PDB file of N, CA and C in Angstrom:
ATOM      1  N   MET A   1      98.341 141.125 110.907  1.00  0.00           N
ATOM      2  CA  MET A   1      98.299 139.685 110.736  1.00  0.00           C
ATOM      3  C   MET A   1      97.100 139.280 109.901  1.00  0.00           C
ATOM      4  N   LEU A   2      95.957 139.860 110.144  1.00  0.00           N
ATOM      5  CA  LEU A   2      94.763 139.550 109.368  1.00  0.00           C
ATOM      6  C   LEU A   2      94.921 140.003 107.924  1.00  0.00           C
ATOM      7  N   GLU A   3      95.701 141.019 107.744  1.00  0.00           N
ATOM      8  CA  GLU A   3      95.921 141.552 106.406  1.00  0.00           C
ATOM      9  C   GLU A   3      96.562 140.499 105.486  1.00  0.00           C
ATOM     10  N   GLY A   4      97.515 139.747 106.014  1.00  0.00           N
ATOM     11  CA  GLY A   4      98.167 138.704 105.224  1.00  0.00           C
ATOM     12  C   GLY A   4      97.196 137.620 104.816  1.00  0.00           C
ATOM     13  N   GLY A   5      96.285 137.252 105.708  1.00  0.00           N
ATOM     14  CA  GLY A   5      95.270 136.246 105.385  1.00  0.00           C
ATOM     15  C   GLY A   5      94.330 136.744 104.302  1.00  0.00           C
ATOM     16  N   ALA A   6      93.962 138.006 104.382  1.00  0.00           N
ATOM     17  CA  ALA A   6      93.079 138.584 103.372  1.00  0.00           C
ATOM     18  C   ALA A   6      93.760 138.619 102.015  1.00  0.00           C
ATOM     19  N   VAL A   7      95.037 138.905 102.008  1.00  0.00           N
ATOM     20  CA  VAL A   7      95.776 138.938 100.752  1.00  0.00           C
ATOM     21  C   VAL A   7      95.853 137.542 100.148  1.00  0.00           C
ATOM     22  N   ALA A   8      96.092 136.516 100.996  1.00  0.00           N
ATOM     23  CA  ALA A   8      96.175 135.142 100.512  1.00  0.00           C
ATOM     24  C   ALA A   8      94.844 134.692  99.920  1.00  0.00           C
ATOM     25  N   VAL A   9      93.745 135.042 100.571  1.00  0.00           N
ATOM     26  CA  VAL A   9      92.432 134.636 100.103  1.00  0.00           C
ATOM     27  C   VAL A   9      92.074 135.376  98.820  1.00  0.00           C
ATOM     28  N   SER A  10      92.391 136.639  98.781  1.00  0.00           N
ATOM     29  CA  SER A  10      92.045 137.414  97.581  1.00  0.00           C
ATOM     30  C   SER A  10      92.909 137.020  96.388  1.00  0.00           C
ATOM     31  N   GLY A  11      94.092 136.487  96.637  1.00  0.00           N
ATOM     32  CA  GLY A  11      94.973 136.087  95.548  1.00  0.00           C
ATOM     33  C   GLY A  11      94.746 134.662  95.094  1.00  0.00           C
ATOM     34  N   ASP A  12      93.684 134.017  95.557  1.00  0.00           N
ATOM     35  CA  ASP A  12      93.367 132.630  95.225  1.00  0.00           C
ATOM     36  C   ASP A  12      94.476 131.659  95.603  1.00  0.00           C
ATOM     37  N   ASP A  13      95.282 131.999  96.586  1.00  0.00           N
ATOM     38  CA  ASP A  13      96.306 131.098  97.087  1.00  0.00           C
ATOM     39  C   ASP A  13      95.671 130.141  98.085  1.00  0.00           C
ATOM     40  N   ASP A  14      96.272 128.949  98.221  1.00  0.00           N
ATOM     41  CA  ASP A  14      95.792 128.002  99.212  1.00  0.00           C
ATOM     42  C   ASP A  14      96.124 128.513 100.605  1.00  0.00           C
ATOM     43  N   VAL A  15      95.168 128.436 101.487  1.00  0.00           N
ATOM     44  CA  VAL A  15      95.382 128.796 102.871  1.00  0.00           C
ATOM     45  C   VAL A  15      95.494 127.494 103.647  1.00  0.00           C
ATOM     46  N   THR A  16      96.597 127.318 104.359  1.00  0.00           N
ATOM     47  CA  THR A  16      96.833 126.095 105.099  1.00  0.00           C
ATOM     48  C   THR A  16      96.534 126.340 106.567  1.00  0.00           C
ATOM     49  N   SER A  17      95.726 125.475 107.140  1.00  0.00           N
ATOM     50  CA  SER A  17      95.369 125.638 108.541  1.00  0.00           C
ATOM     51  C   SER A  17      96.550 125.283 109.434  1.00  0.00           C
ATOM     52  N   ASN A  18      96.495 125.764 110.664  1.00  0.00           N
ATOM     53  CA  ASN A  18      97.547 125.447 111.639  1.00  0.00           C
ATOM     54  C   ASN A  18      97.629 123.946 111.870  1.00  0.00           C
ATOM     55  N   ARG A  19      96.477 123.289 111.866  1.00  0.00           N
ATOM     56  CA  ARG A  19      96.443 121.841 112.076  1.00  0.00           C
ATOM     57  C   ARG A  19      97.184 121.119 110.947  1.00  0.00           C
ATOM     58  N   ALA A  20      96.930 121.544 109.724  1.00  0.00           N
ATOM     59  CA  ALA A  20      97.600 120.924 108.575  1.00  0.00           C
ATOM     60  C   ALA A  20      99.101 121.168 108.636  1.00  0.00           C
ATOM     61  N   VAL A  21      99.485 122.362 109.049  1.00  0.00           N
ATOM     62  CA  VAL A  21     100.910 122.680 109.169  1.00  0.00           C
ATOM     63  C   VAL A  21     101.549 121.783 110.221  1.00  0.00           C
ATOM     64  N   ARG A  22     100.895 121.611 111.370  1.00  0.00           N
ATOM     65  CA  ARG A  22     101.424 120.733 112.425  1.00  0.00           C
ATOM     66  C   ARG A  22     101.542 119.296 111.926  1.00  0.00           C
ATOM     67  N   GLN A  23     100.527 118.838 111.183  1.00  0.00           N
ATOM     68  CA  GLN A  23     100.573 117.478 110.641  1.00  0.00           C
ATOM     69  C   GLN A  23     101.745 117.324 109.672  1.00  0.00           C
ATOM     70  N   MET A  24     101.967 118.326 108.838  1.00  0.00           N
ATOM     71  CA  MET A  24     103.092 118.259 107.896  1.00  0.00           C
ATOM     72  C   MET A  24     104.430 118.289 108.635  1.00  0.00           C
ATOM     73  N   GLU A  25     104.511 119.121 109.667  1.00  0.00           N
ATOM     74  CA  GLU A  25     105.750 119.171 110.463  1.00  0.00           C
ATOM     75  C   GLU A  25     105.997 117.842 111.157  1.00  0.00           C
ATOM     76  N   ASP A  26     104.930 117.225 111.697  1.00  0.00           N
ATOM     77  CA  ASP A  26     105.070 115.908 112.331  1.00  0.00           C
ATOM     78  C   ASP A  26     105.546 114.875 111.314  1.00  0.00           C
ATOM     79  N   ARG A  27     104.985 114.941 110.125  1.00  0.00           N
ATOM     80  CA  ARG A  27     105.376 114.006 109.064  1.00  0.00           C
ATOM     81  C   ARG A  27     106.841 114.215 108.677  1.00  0.00           C
ATOM     82  N   ILE A  28     107.268 115.446 108.583  1.00  0.00           N
ATOM     83  CA  ILE A  28     108.665 115.751 108.261  1.00  0.00           C
ATOM     84  C   ILE A  28     109.586 115.200 109.344  1.00  0.00           C
ATOM     85  N   ARG A  29     109.215 115.400 110.615  1.00  0.00           N
ATOM     86  CA  ARG A  29     110.030 114.876 111.719  1.00  0.00           C
ATOM     87  C   ARG A  29     110.143 113.358 111.636  1.00  0.00           C
ATOM     88  N   GLU A  30     109.017 112.690 111.357  1.00  0.00           N
ATOM     89  CA  GLU A  30     109.030 111.232 111.250  1.00  0.00           C
ATOM     90  C   GLU A  30     109.904 110.783 110.084  1.00  0.00           C
ATOM     91  N   LEU A  31     109.808 111.449 108.954  1.00  0.00           N
ATOM     92  CA  LEU A  31     110.637 111.099 107.801  1.00  0.00           C
ATOM     93  C   LEU A  31     112.119 111.339 108.084  1.00  0.00           C
ATOM     94  N   GLU A  32     112.425 112.415 108.810  1.00  0.00           N
ATOM     95  CA  GLU A  32     113.822 112.678 109.182  1.00  0.00           C
ATOM     96  C   GLU A  32     114.347 111.588 110.114  1.00  0.00           C
ATOM     97  N   ARG A  33     113.492 111.125 111.036  1.00  0.00           N
ATOM     98  CA  ARG A  33     113.889 110.026 111.928  1.00  0.00           C
ATOM     99  C   ARG A  33     114.159 108.757 111.129  1.00  0.00           C
ATOM    100  N   GLN A  34     113.271 108.454 110.190  1.00  0.00           N
ATOM    101  CA  GLN A  34     113.454 107.266 109.360  1.00  0.00           C
ATOM    102  C   GLN A  34     114.722 107.372 108.518  1.00  0.00           C
ATOM    103  N   LEU A  35     114.981 108.567 108.005  1.00  0.00           N
ATOM    104  CA  LEU A  35     116.194 108.778 107.218  1.00  0.00           C
ATOM    105  C   LEU A  35     117.429 108.553 108.078  1.00  0.00           C
ATOM    106  N   GLY A  36     117.402 109.039 109.309  1.00  0.00           N
ATOM    107  CA  GLY A  36     118.522 108.829 110.226  1.00  0.00           C
ATOM    108  C   GLY A  36     118.751 107.352 110.505  1.00  0.00           C
ATOM    109  N   ARG A  37     117.668 106.616 110.724  1.00  0.00           N
ATOM    110  CA  ARG A  37     117.786 105.170 110.974  1.00  0.00           C
ATOM    111  C   ARG A  37     118.359 104.445 109.762  1.00  0.00           C
ATOM    112  N   LYS A  38     117.872 104.791 108.594  1.00  0.00           N
ATOM    113  CA  LYS A  38     118.356 104.136 107.372  1.00  0.00           C
ATOM    114  C   LYS A  38     119.809 104.494 107.100  1.00  0.00           C
ATOM    115  N   THR A  39     120.196 105.730 107.389  1.00  0.00           N
ATOM    116  CA  THR A  39     121.588 106.136 107.208  1.00  0.00           C
ATOM    117  C   THR A  39     122.489 105.335 108.133  1.00  0.00           C
ATOM    118  N   LEU A  40     122.082 105.177 109.380  1.00  0.00           N
ATOM    119  CA  LEU A  40     122.846 104.384 110.333  1.00  0.00           C
ATOM    120  C   LEU A  40     122.926 102.932 109.870  1.00  0.00           C
ATOM    121  N   GLU A  41     121.823 102.405 109.374  1.00  0.00           N
ATOM    122  CA  GLU A  41     121.794 101.025 108.880  1.00  0.00           C
ATOM    123  C   GLU A  41     122.781 100.848 107.718  1.00  0.00           C
ATOM    124  N   VAL A  42     122.810 101.804 106.812  1.00  0.00           N
ATOM    125  CA  VAL A  42     123.727 101.734 105.674  1.00  0.00           C
ATOM    126  C   VAL A  42     125.175 101.757 106.156  1.00  0.00           C
ATOM    127  N   GLU A  43     125.484 102.624 107.115  1.00  0.00           N
ATOM    128  CA  GLU A  43     126.849 102.692 107.653  1.00  0.00           C
ATOM    129  C   GLU A  43     127.256 101.364 108.285  1.00  0.00           C
ATOM    130  N   ILE A  44     126.355 100.758 109.050  1.00  0.00           N
ATOM    131  CA  ILE A  44     126.643  99.479 109.697  1.00  0.00           C
ATOM    132  C   ILE A  44     126.868  98.395 108.643  1.00  0.00           C
ATOM    133  N   LEU A  45     126.012  98.371 107.618  1.00  0.00           N
ATOM    134  CA  LEU A  45     126.151  97.350 106.580  1.00  0.00           C
ATOM    135  C   LEU A  45     127.422  97.546 105.755  1.00  0.00           C
ATOM    136  N   LYS A  46     127.805  98.804 105.523  1.00  0.00           N
ATOM    137  CA  LYS A  46     129.059  99.061 104.796  1.00  0.00           C
ATOM    138  C   LYS A  46     130.250  98.546 105.594  1.00  0.00           C
ATOM    139  N   GLU A  47     130.251  98.799 106.898  1.00  0.00           N
ATOM    140  CA  GLU A  47     131.338  98.302 107.746  1.00  0.00           C
ATOM    141  C   GLU A  47     131.375  96.777 107.735  1.00  0.00           C
ATOM    142  N   ALA A  48     130.218  96.149 107.828  1.00  0.00           N
ATOM    143  CA  ALA A  48     130.156  94.684 107.808  1.00  0.00           C
ATOM    144  C   ALA A  48     130.662  94.150 106.470  1.00  0.00           C
ATOM    145  N   LEU A  49     130.311  94.814 105.388  1.00  0.00           N
ATOM    146  CA  LEU A  49     130.770  94.394 104.070  1.00  0.00           C
ATOM    147  C   LEU A  49     132.286  94.531 103.944  1.00  0.00           C
ATOM    148  N   ASP A  50     132.830  95.646 104.436  1.00  0.00           N
ATOM    149  CA  ASP A  50     134.282  95.835 104.413  1.00  0.00           C
ATOM    150  C   ASP A  50     134.991  94.742 105.204  1.00  0.00           C
ATOM    151  N   LYS A  51     134.448  94.429 106.376  1.00  0.00           N
ATOM    152  CA  LYS A  51     135.069  93.389 107.204  1.00  0.00           C
ATOM    153  C   LYS A  51     134.983  92.029 106.529  1.00  0.00           C
ATOM    154  N   SER A  52     133.840  91.732 105.911  1.00  0.00           N
ATOM    155  CA  SER A  52     133.699  90.430 105.261  1.00  0.00           C
ATOM    156  C   SER A  52     134.619  90.327 104.047  1.00  0.00           C
ATOM    157  N   ARG A  53     134.816  91.427 103.340  1.00  0.00           N
ATOM    158  CA  ARG A  53     135.732  91.407 102.200  1.00  0.00           C
ATOM    159  C   ARG A  53     137.164  91.157 102.648  1.00  0.00           C
ATOM    160  N   SER A  54     137.568  91.811 103.735  1.00  0.00           N
ATOM    161  CA  SER A  54     138.935  91.605 104.207  1.00  0.00           C
ATOM    162  C   SER A  54     139.122  90.176 104.710  1.00  0.00           C
ATOM    163  N   LYS A  55     138.102  89.619 105.348  1.00  0.00           N
ATOM    164  CA  LYS A  55     138.186  88.224 105.793  1.00  0.00           C
ATOM    165  C   LYS A  55     138.248  87.284 104.603  1.00  0.00           C
ATOM    166  N   LYS A  56     137.499  87.609 103.553  1.00  0.00           N
ATOM    167  CA  LYS A  56     137.502  86.764 102.360  1.00  0.00           C
ATOM    168  C   LYS A  56     138.886  86.783 101.708  1.00  0.00           C
ATOM    169  N   LEU A  57     139.501  87.963 101.613  1.00  0.00           N
ATOM    170  CA  LEU A  57     140.834  88.053 101.018  1.00  0.00           C
ATOM    171  C   LEU A  57     141.858  87.304 101.863  1.00  0.00           C
ATOM    172  N   THR A  58     141.717  87.402 103.189  1.00  0.00           N
ATOM    173  CA  THR A  58     142.616  86.667 104.081  1.00  0.00           C
ATOM    174  C   THR A  58     142.429  85.173 103.875  1.00  0.00           C
ATOM    175  N   TRP A  59     141.191  84.728 103.798  1.00  0.00           N
ATOM    176  CA  TRP A  59     140.897  83.309 103.585  1.00  0.00           C
ATOM    177  C   TRP A  59     141.449  82.843 102.241  1.00  0.00           C
ATOM    178  N   LEU A  60     141.280  83.666 101.213  1.00  0.00           N
ATOM    179  CA  LEU A  60     141.779  83.294  99.889  1.00  0.00           C
ATOM    180  C   LEU A  60     143.301  83.208  99.883  1.00  0.00           C
ATOM    181  N   ALA A  61     143.944  84.136 100.568  1.00  0.00           N
ATOM    182  CA  ALA A  61     145.407  84.117 100.621  1.00  0.00           C
ATOM    183  C   ALA A  61     145.895  82.870 101.350  1.00  0.00           C
ATOM    184  N   GLN A  62     145.191  82.454 102.386  1.00  0.00           N
ATOM    185  CA  GLN A  62     145.591  81.281 103.151  1.00  0.00           C
ATOM    186  C   GLN A  62     145.289  79.988 102.406  1.00  0.00           C
ATOM    187  N   SER A  63     144.358  80.036 101.452  1.00  0.00           N
ATOM    188  CA  SER A  63     143.969  78.806 100.762  1.00  0.00           C
ATOM    189  C   SER A  63     144.770  78.567  99.481  1.00  0.00           C
ATOM    190  N   GLN A  64     145.745  79.432  99.195  1.00  0.00           N
ATOM    191  CA  GLN A  64     146.572  79.224  98.004  1.00  0.00           C
ATOM    192  C   GLN A  64     147.471  78.007  98.192  1.00  0.00           C
ATOM    193  N   PRO A  65     147.716  77.266  97.092  1.00  0.00           N
ATOM    194  CA  PRO A  65     148.636  76.124  97.174  1.00  0.00           C
ATOM    195  C   PRO A  65     150.049  76.585  97.541  1.00  0.00           C
ATOM    196  N   LYS A  66     150.834  75.686  98.097  1.00  0.00           N
ATOM    197  CA  LYS A  66     152.183  76.043  98.560  1.00  0.00           C
ATOM    198  C   LYS A  66     153.109  76.457  97.428  1.00  0.00           C
ATOM    199  N   ASP A  67     152.807  76.000  96.193  1.00  0.00           N
ATOM    200  CA  ASP A  67     153.680  76.366  95.077  1.00  0.00           C
ATOM    201  C   ASP A  67     153.462  77.810  94.609  1.00  0.00           C
ATOM    202  N   GLY A  68     152.476  78.490  95.165  1.00  0.00           N
ATOM    203  CA  GLY A  68     152.256  79.899  94.857  1.00  0.00           C
ATOM    204  C   GLY A  68     151.270  80.141  93.736  1.00  0.00           C
ATOM    205  N   SER A  69     150.858  79.109  93.023  1.00  0.00           N
ATOM    206  CA  SER A  69     149.891  79.304  91.952  1.00  0.00           C
ATOM    207  C   SER A  69     148.504  79.480  92.564  1.00  0.00           C
ATOM    208  N   PRO A  70     147.723  80.381  92.018  1.00  0.00           N
ATOM    209  CA  PRO A  70     146.397  80.617  92.614  1.00  0.00           C
ATOM    210  C   PRO A  70     145.496  79.407  92.426  1.00  0.00           C
ATOM    211  N   SER A  71     144.746  79.108  93.433  1.00  0.00           N
ATOM    212  CA  SER A  71     143.813  77.989  93.339  1.00  0.00           C
ATOM    213  C   SER A  71     142.629  78.397  92.475  1.00  0.00           C
ATOM    214  N   ARG A  72     141.821  77.430  92.125  1.00  0.00           N
ATOM    215  CA  ARG A  72     140.659  77.709  91.286  1.00  0.00           C
ATOM    216  C   ARG A  72     139.722  78.702  91.981  1.00  0.00           C
ATOM    217  N   ALA A  73     139.526  78.560  93.283  1.00  0.00           N
ATOM    218  CA  ALA A  73     138.656  79.458  94.039  1.00  0.00           C
ATOM    219  C   ALA A  73     139.189  80.880  93.990  1.00  0.00           C
ATOM    220  N   CYS A  74     140.491  81.044  94.100  1.00  0.00           N
ATOM    221  CA  CYS A  74     141.090  82.376  94.074  1.00  0.00           C
ATOM    222  C   CYS A  74     140.930  83.017  92.710  1.00  0.00           C
ATOM    223  N   LYS A  75     141.085  82.228  91.654  1.00  0.00           N
ATOM    224  CA  LYS A  75     140.973  82.782  90.304  1.00  0.00           C
ATOM    225  C   LYS A  75     139.591  83.391  90.082  1.00  0.00           C
ATOM    226  N   HIS A  76     138.558  82.749  90.587  1.00  0.00           N
ATOM    227  CA  HIS A  76     137.211  83.236  90.360  1.00  0.00           C
ATOM    228  C   HIS A  76     136.805  84.342  91.332  1.00  0.00           C
ATOM    229  N   ALA A  77     137.410  84.392  92.489  1.00  0.00           N
ATOM    230  CA  ALA A  77     137.017  85.340  93.518  1.00  0.00           C
ATOM    231  C   ALA A  77     137.704  86.687  93.382  1.00  0.00           C
ATOM    232  N   LEU A  78     138.931  86.691  92.868  1.00  0.00           N
ATOM    233  CA  LEU A  78     139.656  87.945  92.764  1.00  0.00           C
ATOM    234  C   LEU A  78     139.248  88.694  91.507  1.00  0.00           C
ATOM    235  N   PRO A  79     139.047  90.020  91.624  1.00  0.00           N
ATOM    236  CA  PRO A  79     138.627  90.792  90.463  1.00  0.00           C
ATOM    237  C   PRO A  79     139.709  90.781  89.387  1.00  0.00           C
ATOM    238  N   GLY A  80     139.280  90.665  88.137  1.00  0.00           N
ATOM    239  CA  GLY A  80     140.200  90.717  87.017  1.00  0.00           C
ATOM    240  C   GLY A  80     140.971  89.440  86.759  1.00  0.00           C
ATOM    241  N   SER A  81     140.606  88.369  87.419  1.00  0.00           N
ATOM    242  CA  SER A  81     141.310  87.100  87.193  1.00  0.00           C
ATOM    243  C   SER A  81     140.297  86.026  86.813  1.00  0.00           C
ATOM    244  N   GLY A  82     140.836  84.962  86.188  1.00  0.00           N
ATOM    245  CA  GLY A  82     140.029  83.779  85.885  1.00  0.00           C
ATOM    246  C   GLY A  82     139.039  84.046  84.857  1.00  0.00           C
TER     247      GLY A  82
END
């Protein structure tokens, strides 16, 4: 075990202390936790966006005039129209 340390020192490589390694591992764990939270947040927001889009399309369909022609709001809200 000491032999590896001697090789690292003689090769001008950086020697990282156990404390520094623990700090880096703690930082990695914290970043992984934050990534998990943000991933969950993105999933929740995507679902909310999907639901709001479907509600908007339902609302637009219900707001069309009885003659079947799209209303001004529908023309601007639907992709590729107006």
